[in-house]
Amino acid sequence: DIKTFAVTEVDDIAELREVIGSLDI
């Protein structure tokens, strides 16, 4: 039930989107 995620590198965004879908980054 974590709804918001955070990264520092823009290169991580695509990989993270694959997992969390439309949840906030």
mmCIF file of all heavy atoms, coordinates in Angstrom:
data_MODEL
# 
_entry.id   MODEL 
# 
loop_
_atom_site.group_PDB 
_atom_site.id 
_atom_site.type_symbol 
_atom_site.label_atom_id 
_atom_site.label_alt_id 
_atom_site.label_comp_id 
_atom_site.label_asym_id 
_atom_site.label_entity_id 
_atom_site.label_seq_id 
_atom_site.pdbx_PDB_ins_code 
_atom_site.Cartn_x 
_atom_site.Cartn_y 
_atom_site.Cartn_z 
_atom_site.occupancy 
_atom_site.B_iso_or_equiv 
_atom_site.pdbx_formal_charge 
_atom_site.auth_seq_id 
_atom_site.auth_comp_id 
_atom_site.auth_asym_id 
_atom_site.auth_atom_id 
_atom_site.pdbx_PDB_model_num 
ATOM 1   N N   . ASP A 1 1  ? 0.787  -1.245 0.000   1.00 0.00 ? 1  ASP A N   1 
ATOM 2   C CA  . ASP A 1 1  ? 0.000  0.000  0.000   1.00 0.00 ? 1  ASP A CA  1 
ATOM 3   C C   . ASP A 1 1  ? 0.815  1.289  0.000   1.00 0.00 ? 1  ASP A C   1 
ATOM 4   O O   . ASP A 1 1  ? 0.321  2.332  0.445   1.00 0.00 ? 1  ASP A O   1 
ATOM 5   C CB  . ASP A 1 1  ? -0.982 0.016  1.177   1.00 0.00 ? 1  ASP A CB  1 
ATOM 6   C CG  . ASP A 1 1  ? -2.003 -1.109 1.083   1.00 0.00 ? 1  ASP A CG  1 
ATOM 7   O OD1 . ASP A 1 1  ? -2.461 -1.387 -0.036  1.00 0.00 ? 1  ASP A OD1 1 
ATOM 8   O OD2 . ASP A 1 1  ? -2.326 -1.705 2.126   1.00 0.00 ? 1  ASP A OD2 1 
ATOM 9   N N   . ILE A 1 2  ? 2.045  1.238  -0.499  1.00 0.00 ? 2  ILE A N   1 
ATOM 10  C CA  . ILE A 1 2  ? 2.786  2.482  -0.727  1.00 0.00 ? 2  ILE A CA  1 
ATOM 11  C C   . ILE A 1 2  ? 2.277  3.065  -2.037  1.00 0.00 ? 2  ILE A C   1 
ATOM 12  O O   . ILE A 1 2  ? 2.277  2.380  -3.071  1.00 0.00 ? 2  ILE A O   1 
ATOM 13  C CB  . ILE A 1 2  ? 4.306  2.240  -0.799  1.00 0.00 ? 2  ILE A CB  1 
ATOM 14  C CG1 . ILE A 1 2  ? 4.789  1.559  0.488   1.00 0.00 ? 2  ILE A CG1 1 
ATOM 15  C CG2 . ILE A 1 2  ? 5.047  3.549  -1.035  1.00 0.00 ? 2  ILE A CG2 1 
ATOM 16  C CD1 . ILE A 1 2  ? 4.579  2.349  1.745   1.00 0.00 ? 2  ILE A CD1 1 
ATOM 17  N N   . LYS A 1 3  ? 1.866  4.335  -2.023  1.00 0.00 ? 3  LYS A N   1 
ATOM 18  C CA  . LYS A 1 3  ? 1.213  4.947  -3.180  1.00 0.00 ? 3  LYS A CA  1 
ATOM 19  C C   . LYS A 1 3  ? 2.113  5.920  -3.942  1.00 0.00 ? 3  LYS A C   1 
ATOM 20  O O   . LYS A 1 3  ? 1.817  6.263  -5.096  1.00 0.00 ? 3  LYS A O   1 
ATOM 21  C CB  . LYS A 1 3  ? -0.044 5.695  -2.740  1.00 0.00 ? 3  LYS A CB  1 
ATOM 22  C CG  . LYS A 1 3  ? -1.039 4.855  -1.945  1.00 0.00 ? 3  LYS A CG  1 
ATOM 23  C CD  . LYS A 1 3  ? -1.621 3.738  -2.777  1.00 0.00 ? 3  LYS A CD  1 
ATOM 24  C CE  . LYS A 1 3  ? -2.714 3.003  -2.001  1.00 0.00 ? 3  LYS A CE  1 
ATOM 25  N NZ  . LYS A 1 3  ? -3.228 1.826  -2.750  1.00 0.00 ? 3  LYS A NZ  1 
ATOM 26  N N   . THR A 1 4  ? 3.177  6.385  -3.299  1.00 0.00 ? 4  THR A N   1 
ATOM 27  C CA  . THR A 1 4  ? 4.082  7.351  -3.931  1.00 0.00 ? 4  THR A CA  1 
ATOM 28  C C   . THR A 1 4  ? 5.507  6.840  -3.818  1.00 0.00 ? 4  THR A C   1 
ATOM 29  O O   . THR A 1 4  ? 5.921  6.357  -2.762  1.00 0.00 ? 4  THR A O   1 
ATOM 30  C CB  . THR A 1 4  ? 3.979  8.732  -3.263  1.00 0.00 ? 4  THR A CB  1 
ATOM 31  O OG1 . THR A 1 4  ? 2.625  9.195  -3.347  1.00 0.00 ? 4  THR A OG1 1 
ATOM 32  C CG2 . THR A 1 4  ? 4.889  9.745  -3.959  1.00 0.00 ? 4  THR A CG2 1 
ATOM 33  N N   . PHE A 1 5  ? 6.252  6.977  -4.915  1.00 0.00 ? 5  PHE A N   1 
ATOM 34  C CA  . PHE A 1 5  ? 7.625  6.513  -4.970  1.00 0.00 ? 5  PHE A CA  1 
ATOM 35  C C   . PHE A 1 5  ? 8.534  7.677  -5.343  1.00 0.00 ? 5  PHE A C   1 
ATOM 36  O O   . PHE A 1 5  ? 8.093  8.680  -5.899  1.00 0.00 ? 5  PHE A O   1 
ATOM 37  C CB  . PHE A 1 5  ? 7.762  5.382  -5.989  1.00 0.00 ? 5  PHE A CB  1 
ATOM 38  C CG  . PHE A 1 5  ? 7.003  4.146  -5.599  1.00 0.00 ? 5  PHE A CG  1 
ATOM 39  C CD1 . PHE A 1 5  ? 5.617  4.083  -5.749  1.00 0.00 ? 5  PHE A CD1 1 
ATOM 40  C CD2 . PHE A 1 5  ? 7.656  3.050  -5.061  1.00 0.00 ? 5  PHE A CD2 1 
ATOM 41  C CE1 . PHE A 1 5  ? 4.906  2.955  -5.371  1.00 0.00 ? 5  PHE A CE1 1 
ATOM 42  C CE2 . PHE A 1 5  ? 6.956  1.920  -4.679  1.00 0.00 ? 5  PHE A CE2 1 
ATOM 43  C CZ  . PHE A 1 5  ? 5.585  1.874  -4.834  1.00 0.00 ? 5  PHE A CZ  1 
ATOM 44  N N   . ALA A 1 6  ? 9.825  7.542  -5.043  1.00 0.00 ? 6  ALA A N   1 
ATOM 45  C CA  . ALA A 1 6  ? 10.763 8.617  -5.333  1.00 0.00 ? 6  ALA A CA  1 
ATOM 46  C C   . ALA A 1 6  ? 12.075 8.052  -5.844  1.00 0.00 ? 6  ALA A C   1 
ATOM 47  O O   . ALA A 1 6  ? 12.572 7.034  -5.345  1.00 0.00 ? 6  ALA A O   1 
ATOM 48  C CB  . ALA A 1 6  ? 11.004 9.474  -4.087  1.00 0.00 ? 6  ALA A CB  1 
ATOM 49  N N   . VAL A 1 7  ? 12.638 8.730  -6.838  1.00 0.00 ? 7  VAL A N   1 
ATOM 50  C CA  . VAL A 1 7  ? 13.947 8.393  -7.388  1.00 0.00 ? 7  VAL A CA  1 
ATOM 51  C C   . VAL A 1 7  ? 14.724 9.689  -7.593  1.00 0.00 ? 7  VAL A C   1 
ATOM 52  O O   . VAL A 1 7  ? 14.157 10.787 -7.525  1.00 0.00 ? 7  VAL A O   1 
ATOM 53  C CB  . VAL A 1 7  ? 13.840 7.635  -8.729  1.00 0.00 ? 7  VAL A CB  1 
ATOM 54  C CG1 . VAL A 1 7  ? 13.211 6.271  -8.531  1.00 0.00 ? 7  VAL A CG1 1 
ATOM 55  C CG2 . VAL A 1 7  ? 13.050 8.444  -9.752  1.00 0.00 ? 7  VAL A CG2 1 
ATOM 56  N N   . THR A 1 8  ? 16.009 9.569  -7.862  1.00 0.00 ? 8  THR A N   1 
ATOM 57  C CA  . THR A 1 8  ? 16.812 10.755 -8.167  1.00 0.00 ? 8  THR A CA  1 
ATOM 58  C C   . THR A 1 8  ? 17.238 10.792 -9.625  1.00 0.00 ? 8  THR A C   1 
ATOM 59  O O   . THR A 1 8  ? 17.501 11.868 -10.168 1.00 0.00 ? 8  THR A O   1 
ATOM 60  C CB  . THR A 1 8  ? 18.073 10.808 -7.283  1.00 0.00 ? 8  THR A CB  1 
ATOM 61  O OG1 . THR A 1 8  ? 18.809 9.596  -7.434  1.00 0.00 ? 8  THR A OG1 1 
ATOM 62  C CG2 . THR A 1 8  ? 17.702 11.008 -5.822  1.00 0.00 ? 8  THR A CG2 1 
ATOM 63  N N   . GLU A 1 9  ? 17.315 9.629  -10.272 1.00 0.00 ? 9  GLU A N   1 
ATOM 64  C CA  . GLU A 1 9  ? 17.788 9.552  -11.651 1.00 0.00 ? 9  GLU A CA  1 
ATOM 65  C C   . GLU A 1 9  ? 16.608 9.405  -12.616 1.00 0.00 ? 9  GLU A C   1 
ATOM 66  O O   . GLU A 1 9  ? 15.754 8.542  -12.429 1.00 0.00 ? 9  GLU A O   1 
ATOM 67  C CB  . GLU A 1 9  ? 18.740 8.359  -11.828 1.00 0.00 ? 9  GLU A CB  1 
ATOM 68  C CG  . GLU A 1 9  ? 19.932 8.364  -10.886 1.00 0.00 ? 9  GLU A CG  1 
ATOM 69  C CD  . GLU A 1 9  ? 20.804 9.587  -11.064 1.00 0.00 ? 9  GLU A CD  1 
ATOM 70  O OE1 . GLU A 1 9  ? 21.048 9.979  -12.228 1.00 0.00 ? 9  GLU A OE1 1 
ATOM 71  O OE2 . GLU A 1 9  ? 21.235 10.159 -10.046 1.00 0.00 ? 9  GLU A OE2 1 
ATOM 72  N N   . VAL A 1 10 ? 16.602 10.223 -13.661 1.00 0.00 ? 10 VAL A N   1 
ATOM 73  C CA  . VAL A 1 10 ? 15.505 10.123 -14.635 1.00 0.00 ? 10 VAL A CA  1 
ATOM 74  C C   . VAL A 1 10 ? 15.546 8.790  -15.374 1.00 0.00 ? 10 VAL A C   1 
ATOM 75  O O   . VAL A 1 10 ? 14.515 8.308  -15.868 1.00 0.00 ? 10 VAL A O   1 
ATOM 76  C CB  . VAL A 1 10 ? 15.534 11.298 -15.633 1.00 0.00 ? 10 VAL A CB  1 
ATOM 77  C CG1 . VAL A 1 10 ? 15.253 12.612 -14.920 1.00 0.00 ? 10 VAL A CG1 1 
ATOM 78  C CG2 . VAL A 1 10 ? 16.862 11.365 -16.388 1.00 0.00 ? 10 VAL A CG2 1 
ATOM 79  N N   . ASP A 1 11 ? 16.726 8.156  -15.443 1.00 0.00 ? 11 ASP A N   1 
ATOM 80  C CA  . ASP A 1 11 ? 16.835 6.861  -16.112 1.00 0.00 ? 11 ASP A CA  1 
ATOM 81  C C   . ASP A 1 11 ? 16.067 5.767  -15.376 1.00 0.00 ? 11 ASP A C   1 
ATOM 82  O O   . ASP A 1 11 ? 15.779 4.713  -15.957 1.00 0.00 ? 11 ASP A O   1 
ATOM 83  C CB  . ASP A 1 11 ? 18.304 6.442  -16.229 1.00 0.00 ? 11 ASP A CB  1 
ATOM 84  C CG  . ASP A 1 11 ? 19.078 7.300  -17.225 1.00 0.00 ? 11 ASP A CG  1 
ATOM 85  O OD1 . ASP A 1 11 ? 18.420 7.982  -18.043 1.00 0.00 ? 11 ASP A OD1 1 
ATOM 86  O OD2 . ASP A 1 11 ? 20.314 7.291  -17.188 1.00 0.00 ? 11 ASP A OD2 1 
ATOM 87  N N   . ASP A 1 12 ? 15.728 5.989  -14.125 1.00 0.00 ? 12 ASP A N   1 
ATOM 88  C CA  . ASP A 1 12 ? 14.990 4.995  -13.341 1.00 0.00 ? 12 ASP A CA  1 
ATOM 89  C C   . ASP A 1 12 ? 13.484 5.045  -13.591 1.00 0.00 ? 12 ASP A C   1 
ATOM 90  O O   . ASP A 1 12 ? 12.758 4.116  -13.205 1.00 0.00 ? 12 ASP A O   1 
ATOM 91  C CB  . ASP A 1 12 ? 15.240 5.206  -11.839 1.00 0.00 ? 12 ASP A CB  1 
ATOM 92  C CG  . ASP A 1 12 ? 16.631 4.775  -11.412 1.00 0.00 ? 12 ASP A CG  1 
ATOM 93  O OD1 . ASP A 1 12 ? 17.232 3.943  -12.111 1.00 0.00 ? 12 ASP A OD1 1 
ATOM 94  O OD2 . ASP A 1 12 ? 17.110 5.275  -10.376 1.00 0.00 ? 12 ASP A OD2 1 
ATOM 95  N N   . ILE A 1 13 ? 13.016 6.119  -14.206 1.00 0.00 ? 13 ILE A N   1 
ATOM 96  C CA  . ILE A 1 13 ? 11.571 6.333  -14.321 1.00 0.00 ? 13 ILE A CA  1 
ATOM 97  C C   . ILE A 1 13 ? 10.892 5.230  -15.115 1.00 0.00 ? 13 ILE A C   1 
ATOM 98  O O   . ILE A 1 13 ? 9.875  4.667  -14.681 1.00 0.00 ? 13 ILE A O   1 
ATOM 99  C CB  . ILE A 1 13 ? 11.280 7.711  -14.949 1.00 0.00 ? 13 ILE A CB  1 
ATOM 100 C CG1 . ILE A 1 13 ? 11.730 8.823  -13.999 1.00 0.00 ? 13 ILE A CG1 1 
ATOM 101 C CG2 . ILE A 1 13 ? 9.790  7.848  -15.272 1.00 0.00 ? 13 ILE A CG2 1 
ATOM 102 C CD1 . ILE A 1 13 ? 11.660 10.213 -14.608 1.00 0.00 ? 13 ILE A CD1 1 
ATOM 103 N N   . ALA A 1 14 ? 11.423 4.901  -16.294 1.00 0.00 ? 14 ALA A N   1 
ATOM 104 C CA  . ALA A 1 14 ? 10.776 3.908  -17.157 1.00 0.00 ? 14 ALA A CA  1 
ATOM 105 C C   . ALA A 1 14 ? 10.690 2.554  -16.466 1.00 0.00 ? 14 ALA A C   1 
ATOM 106 O O   . ALA A 1 14 ? 9.645  1.883  -16.503 1.00 0.00 ? 14 ALA A O   1 
ATOM 107 C CB  . ALA A 1 14 ? 11.538 3.785  -18.473 1.00 0.00 ? 14 ALA A CB  1 
ATOM 108 N N   . GLU A 1 15 ? 11.777 2.131  -15.816 1.00 0.00 ? 15 GLU A N   1 
ATOM 109 C CA  . GLU A 1 15 ? 11.799 0.844  -15.128 1.00 0.00 ? 15 GLU A CA  1 
ATOM 110 C C   . GLU A 1 15 ? 10.805 0.827  -13.976 1.00 0.00 ? 15 GLU A C   1 
ATOM 111 O O   . GLU A 1 15 ? 10.107 -0.164 -13.750 1.00 0.00 ? 15 GLU A O   1 
ATOM 112 C CB  . GLU A 1 15 ? 13.221 0.576  -14.620 1.00 0.00 ? 15 GLU A CB  1 
ATOM 113 C CG  . GLU A 1 15 ? 13.465 -0.850 -14.197 1.00 0.00 ? 15 GLU A CG  1 
ATOM 114 C CD  . GLU A 1 15 ? 14.929 -1.133 -13.921 1.00 0.00 ? 15 GLU A CD  1 
ATOM 115 O OE1 . GLU A 1 15 ? 15.705 -0.171 -13.743 1.00 0.00 ? 15 GLU A OE1 1 
ATOM 116 O OE2 . GLU A 1 15 ? 15.293 -2.321 -13.867 1.00 0.00 ? 15 GLU A OE2 1 
ATOM 117 N N   . LEU A 1 16 ? 10.715 1.936  -13.260 1.00 0.00 ? 16 LEU A N   1 
ATOM 118 C CA  . LEU A 1 16 ? 9.788  2.022  -12.141 1.00 0.00 ? 16 LEU A CA  1 
ATOM 119 C C   . LEU A 1 16 ? 8.341  2.013  -12.620 1.00 0.00 ? 16 LEU A C   1 
ATOM 120 O O   . LEU A 1 16 ? 7.479  1.361  -12.012 1.00 0.00 ? 16 LEU A O   1 
ATOM 121 C CB  . LEU A 1 16 ? 10.080 3.283  -11.326 1.00 0.00 ? 16 LEU A CB  1 
ATOM 122 C CG  . LEU A 1 16 ? 9.261  3.525  -10.062 1.00 0.00 ? 16 LEU A CG  1 
ATOM 123 C CD1 . LEU A 1 16 ? 9.340  2.336  -9.117  1.00 0.00 ? 16 LEU A CD1 1 
ATOM 124 C CD2 . LEU A 1 16 ? 9.729  4.803  -9.360  1.00 0.00 ? 16 LEU A CD2 1 
ATOM 125 N N   . ARG A 1 17 ? 8.068  2.703  -13.721 1.00 0.00 ? 17 ARG A N   1 
ATOM 126 C CA  . ARG A 1 17 ? 6.711  2.736  -14.278 1.00 0.00 ? 17 ARG A CA  1 
ATOM 127 C C   . ARG A 1 17 ? 6.211  1.334  -14.623 1.00 0.00 ? 17 ARG A C   1 
ATOM 128 O O   . ARG A 1 17 ? 5.027  1.018  -14.475 1.00 0.00 ? 17 ARG A O   1 
ATOM 129 C CB  . ARG A 1 17 ? 6.670  3.616  -15.523 1.00 0.00 ? 17 ARG A CB  1 
ATOM 130 C CG  . ARG A 1 17 ? 6.430  5.084  -15.235 1.00 0.00 ? 17 ARG A CG  1 
ATOM 131 C CD  . ARG A 1 17 ? 4.943  5.382  -15.091 1.00 0.00 ? 17 ARG A CD  1 
ATOM 132 N NE  . ARG A 1 17 ? 4.739  6.772  -14.694 1.00 0.00 ? 17 ARG A NE  1 
ATOM 133 C CZ  . ARG A 1 17 ? 4.309  7.165  -13.509 1.00 0.00 ? 17 ARG A CZ  1 
ATOM 134 N NH1 . ARG A 1 17 ? 4.023  6.277  -12.575 1.00 0.00 ? 17 ARG A NH1 1 
ATOM 135 N NH2 . ARG A 1 17 ? 4.146  8.439  -13.235 1.00 0.00 ? 17 ARG A NH2 1 
ATOM 136 N N   . GLU A 1 18 ? 7.122  0.475  -15.095 1.00 0.00 ? 18 GLU A N   1 
ATOM 137 C CA  . GLU A 1 18 ? 6.740  -0.895 -15.446 1.00 0.00 ? 18 GLU A CA  1 
ATOM 138 C C   . GLU A 1 18 ? 6.139  -1.626 -14.247 1.00 0.00 ? 18 GLU A C   1 
ATOM 139 O O   . GLU A 1 18 ? 5.280  -2.491 -14.404 1.00 0.00 ? 18 GLU A O   1 
ATOM 140 C CB  . GLU A 1 18 ? 7.964  -1.675 -15.939 1.00 0.00 ? 18 GLU A CB  1 
ATOM 141 C CG  . GLU A 1 18 ? 8.487  -1.240 -17.296 1.00 0.00 ? 18 GLU A CG  1 
ATOM 142 C CD  . GLU A 1 18 ? 9.702  -2.054 -17.704 1.00 0.00 ? 18 GLU A CD  1 
ATOM 143 O OE1 . GLU A 1 18 ? 9.888  -3.165 -17.163 1.00 0.00 ? 18 GLU A OE1 1 
ATOM 144 O OE2 . GLU A 1 18 ? 10.471 -1.577 -18.557 1.00 0.00 ? 18 GLU A OE2 1 
ATOM 145 N N   . VAL A 1 19 ? 6.594  -1.271 -13.066 1.00 0.00 ? 19 VAL A N   1 
ATOM 146 C CA  . VAL A 1 19 ? 6.192  -1.984 -11.854 1.00 0.00 ? 19 VAL A CA  1 
ATOM 147 C C   . VAL A 1 19 ? 4.997  -1.339 -11.177 1.00 0.00 ? 19 VAL A C   1 
ATOM 148 O O   . VAL A 1 19 ? 4.058  -2.024 -10.754 1.00 0.00 ? 19 VAL A O   1 
ATOM 149 C CB  . VAL A 1 19 ? 7.367  -2.062 -10.859 1.00 0.00 ? 19 VAL A CB  1 
ATOM 150 C CG1 . VAL A 1 19 ? 6.941  -2.741 -9.564  1.00 0.00 ? 19 VAL A CG1 1 
ATOM 151 C CG2 . VAL A 1 19 ? 8.547  -2.793 -11.481 1.00 0.00 ? 19 VAL A CG2 1 
ATOM 152 N N   . ILE A 1 20 ? 5.002  -0.017 -11.066 1.00 0.00 ? 20 ILE A N   1 
ATOM 153 C CA  . ILE A 1 20 ? 3.979  0.657  -10.251 1.00 0.00 ? 20 ILE A CA  1 
ATOM 154 C C   . ILE A 1 20 ? 2.845  1.259  -11.068 1.00 0.00 ? 20 ILE A C   1 
ATOM 155 O O   . ILE A 1 20 ? 1.895  1.814  -10.502 1.00 0.00 ? 20 ILE A O   1 
ATOM 156 C CB  . ILE A 1 20 ? 4.606  1.748  -9.364  1.00 0.00 ? 20 ILE A CB  1 
ATOM 157 C CG1 . ILE A 1 20 ? 5.128  2.926  -10.211 1.00 0.00 ? 20 ILE A CG1 1 
ATOM 158 C CG2 . ILE A 1 20 ? 5.719  1.175  -8.500  1.00 0.00 ? 20 ILE A CG2 1 
ATOM 159 C CD1 . ILE A 1 20 ? 5.472  4.148  -9.406  1.00 0.00 ? 20 ILE A CD1 1 
ATOM 160 N N   . GLY A 1 21 ? 2.943  1.162  -12.382 1.00 0.00 ? 21 GLY A N   1 
ATOM 161 C CA  . GLY A 1 21 ? 1.871  1.689  -13.219 1.00 0.00 ? 21 GLY A CA  1 
ATOM 162 C C   . GLY A 1 21 ? 1.706  3.188  -13.080 1.00 0.00 ? 21 GLY A C   1 
ATOM 163 O O   . GLY A 1 21 ? 2.667  3.950  -13.193 1.00 0.00 ? 21 GLY A O   1 
ATOM 164 N N   . SER A 1 22 ? 0.489  3.622  -12.785 1.00 0.00 ? 22 SER A N   1 
ATOM 165 C CA  . SER A 1 22 ? 0.181  5.051  -12.753 1.00 0.00 ? 22 SER A CA  1 
ATOM 166 C C   . SER A 1 22 ? 0.389  5.707  -11.390 1.00 0.00 ? 22 SER A C   1 
ATOM 167 O O   . SER A 1 22 ? 0.074  6.887  -11.217 1.00 0.00 ? 22 SER A O   1 
ATOM 168 C CB  . SER A 1 22 ? -1.275 5.270  -13.193 1.00 0.00 ? 22 SER A CB  1 
ATOM 169 O OG  . SER A 1 22 ? -2.165 4.601  -12.310 1.00 0.00 ? 22 SER A OG  1 
ATOM 170 N N   . LEU A 1 23 ? 0.909  4.963  -10.431 1.00 0.00 ? 23 LEU A N   1 
ATOM 171 C CA  . LEU A 1 23 ? 1.163  5.567  -9.116  1.00 0.00 ? 23 LEU A CA  1 
ATOM 172 C C   . LEU A 1 23 ? 2.178  6.703  -9.252  1.00 0.00 ? 23 LEU A C   1 
ATOM 173 O O   . LEU A 1 23 ? 2.947  6.768  -10.207 1.00 0.00 ? 23 LEU A O   1 
ATOM 174 C CB  . LEU A 1 23 ? 1.676  4.502  -8.135  1.00 0.00 ? 23 LEU A CB  1 
ATOM 175 C CG  . LEU A 1 23 ? 0.691  3.399  -7.746  1.00 0.00 ? 23 LEU A CG  1 
ATOM 176 C CD1 . LEU A 1 23 ? 1.359  2.387  -6.832  1.00 0.00 ? 23 LEU A CD1 1 
ATOM 177 C CD2 . LEU A 1 23 ? -0.545 3.992  -7.070  1.00 0.00 ? 23 LEU A CD2 1 
ATOM 178 N N   . ASP A 1 24 ? 2.201  7.586  -8.268  1.00 0.00 ? 24 ASP A N   1 
ATOM 179 C CA  . ASP A 1 24 ? 3.028  8.790  -8.358  1.00 0.00 ? 24 ASP A CA  1 
ATOM 180 C C   . ASP A 1 24 ? 4.518  8.501  -8.206  1.00 0.00 ? 24 ASP A C   1 
ATOM 181 O O   . ASP A 1 24 ? 4.931  7.681  -7.377  1.00 0.00 ? 24 ASP A O   1 
ATOM 182 C CB  . ASP A 1 24 ? 2.614  9.795  -7.278  1.00 0.00 ? 24 ASP A CB  1 
ATOM 183 C CG  . ASP A 1 24 ? 1.345  10.545 -7.642  1.00 0.00 ? 24 ASP A CG  1 
ATOM 184 O OD1 . ASP A 1 24 ? 1.022  10.603 -8.841  1.00 0.00 ? 24 ASP A OD1 1 
ATOM 185 O OD2 . ASP A 1 24 ? 0.674  11.066 -6.730  1.00 0.00 ? 24 ASP A OD2 1 
ATOM 186 N N   . ILE A 1 25 ? 5.313  9.216  -9.013  1.00 0.00 ? 25 ILE A N   1 
ATOM 187 C CA  . ILE A 1 25 ? 6.772  9.186  -8.907  1.00 0.00 ? 25 ILE A CA  1 
ATOM 188 C C   . ILE A 1 25 ? 7.269  10.606 -8.695  1.00 0.00 ? 25 ILE A C   1 
ATOM 189 O O   . ILE A 1 25 ? 7.038  11.483 -9.525  1.00 0.00 ? 25 ILE A O   1 
ATOM 190 C CB  . ILE A 1 25 ? 7.433  8.624  -10.181 1.00 0.00 ? 25 ILE A CB  1 
ATOM 191 C CG1 . ILE A 1 25 ? 6.984  7.186  -10.448 1.00 0.00 ? 25 ILE A CG1 1 
ATOM 192 C CG2 . ILE A 1 25 ? 8.954  8.704  -10.065 1.00 0.00 ? 25 ILE A CG2 1 
ATOM 193 C CD1 . ILE A 1 25 ? 7.509  6.615  -11.762 1.00 0.00 ? 25 ILE A CD1 1 
# 
